[in-house]
Amino acid sequence: MLQLNEGTVYTSLIATAAAGVDRRGVGTSDNNRKAKFYSITARGQKQLAVETENWERISGVVGRVLRLEGER
C-alpha cells in the first residue's frame, strides 16, 4: 500500500497545474462546504498514458528481477 501525506499530495497538485495537466475549480462539497475540485485535461490524459506505460515497463522489470532472485 502507498501512503502519502497531505504535503506530498499538495506539492504534486501544484506540479500538475504548472504542467497544464489539470483544471481547477471551486465549488460546494457534498456537505455544503467550500471545496476545490480538480479534473484532468486532454494534455494530462496523454501524459498519464505515457507515465502508465513507463510504470508498467519498470514494474515488470522489477518483478522479473525479484522472481529471479527467488530462484537462487
Protein backbone atom coordinates (compact mmCIF):
# COMPACT_ATOMS: atom_id res chain seq x y z
CA MET A 1 0.00 0.00 0.00
CA LEU A 2 1.19 3.51 -0.77
CA GLN A 3 0.80 6.13 1.93
CA LEU A 4 1.06 9.81 1.05
CA ASN A 5 0.81 12.70 3.43
CA GLU A 6 -1.08 15.90 2.70
CA GLY A 7 2.12 17.82 1.94
CA THR A 8 3.10 15.33 -0.75
CA VAL A 9 -0.30 15.42 -2.42
CA TYR A 10 -0.48 19.22 -2.33
CA THR A 11 3.00 19.56 -3.84
CA SER A 12 2.03 17.12 -6.58
CA LEU A 13 -1.12 19.10 -7.38
CA ILE A 14 0.94 22.29 -7.72
CA ALA A 15 3.28 20.50 -10.13
CA THR A 16 0.38 19.18 -12.23
CA ALA A 17 -1.07 22.68 -12.51
CA ALA A 18 2.29 24.07 -13.62
CA ALA A 19 2.48 21.36 -16.28
CA GLY A 20 -1.04 22.14 -17.51
CA VAL A 21 -2.33 18.64 -16.90
CA ASP A 22 -5.25 19.55 -14.66
CA ARG A 23 -8.05 22.06 -14.35
CA ARG A 24 -9.15 23.53 -11.07
CA GLY A 25 -12.40 24.91 -9.85
CA VAL A 26 -14.10 25.94 -6.65
CA GLY A 27 -17.50 24.68 -5.68
CA THR A 28 -19.53 23.20 -2.87
CA SER A 29 -18.83 19.75 -1.47
CA ASP A 30 -21.48 17.15 -0.62
CA ASN A 31 -21.61 18.52 2.93
CA ASN A 32 -22.10 22.13 1.70
CA ARG A 33 -18.54 23.28 2.39
CA LYS A 34 -16.41 25.31 0.01
CA ALA A 35 -14.11 22.90 -1.84
CA LYS A 36 -11.52 22.81 -4.62
CA PHE A 37 -12.11 20.37 -7.46
CA TYR A 38 -9.61 19.05 -9.98
CA SER A 39 -10.10 17.41 -13.36
CA ILE A 40 -7.59 16.10 -15.86
CA THR A 41 -7.07 17.90 -19.18
CA ALA A 42 -6.53 16.28 -22.59
CA ARG A 43 -2.82 17.03 -22.17
CA GLY A 44 -2.97 15.35 -18.76
CA GLN A 45 -4.63 12.26 -20.26
CA LYS A 46 -1.79 11.94 -22.77
CA GLN A 47 0.83 12.35 -20.04
CA LEU A 48 -0.98 9.80 -17.87
CA ALA A 49 -0.84 7.28 -20.73
CA VAL A 50 2.93 7.85 -21.10
CA GLU A 51 3.54 7.55 -17.35
CA THR A 52 1.35 4.43 -17.13
CA GLU A 53 3.34 2.77 -19.91
CA ASN A 54 6.61 3.68 -18.18
CA TRP A 55 5.34 2.33 -14.84
CA GLU A 56 4.20 -0.96 -16.40
CA ARG A 57 7.57 -1.43 -18.10
CA ILE A 58 9.61 -0.61 -14.99
CA SER A 59 7.45 -2.62 -12.59
CA GLY A 60 7.59 -5.57 -14.99
CA VAL A 61 11.39 -5.49 -14.97
CA VAL A 62 11.48 -5.25 -11.17
CA GLY A 63 9.05 -8.17 -10.93
CA ARG A 64 11.22 -10.30 -13.20
CA VAL A 65 14.35 -9.45 -11.16
CA LEU A 66 12.57 -10.37 -7.92
CA ARG A 67 11.41 -13.68 -9.39
CA LEU A 68 14.98 -14.45 -10.49
CA GLU A 69 16.25 -13.64 -7.00
CA GLY A 70 13.83 -16.18 -5.58
CA GLU A 71 15.21 -18.91 -7.87
CA ARG A 72 18.69 -18.79 -6.35
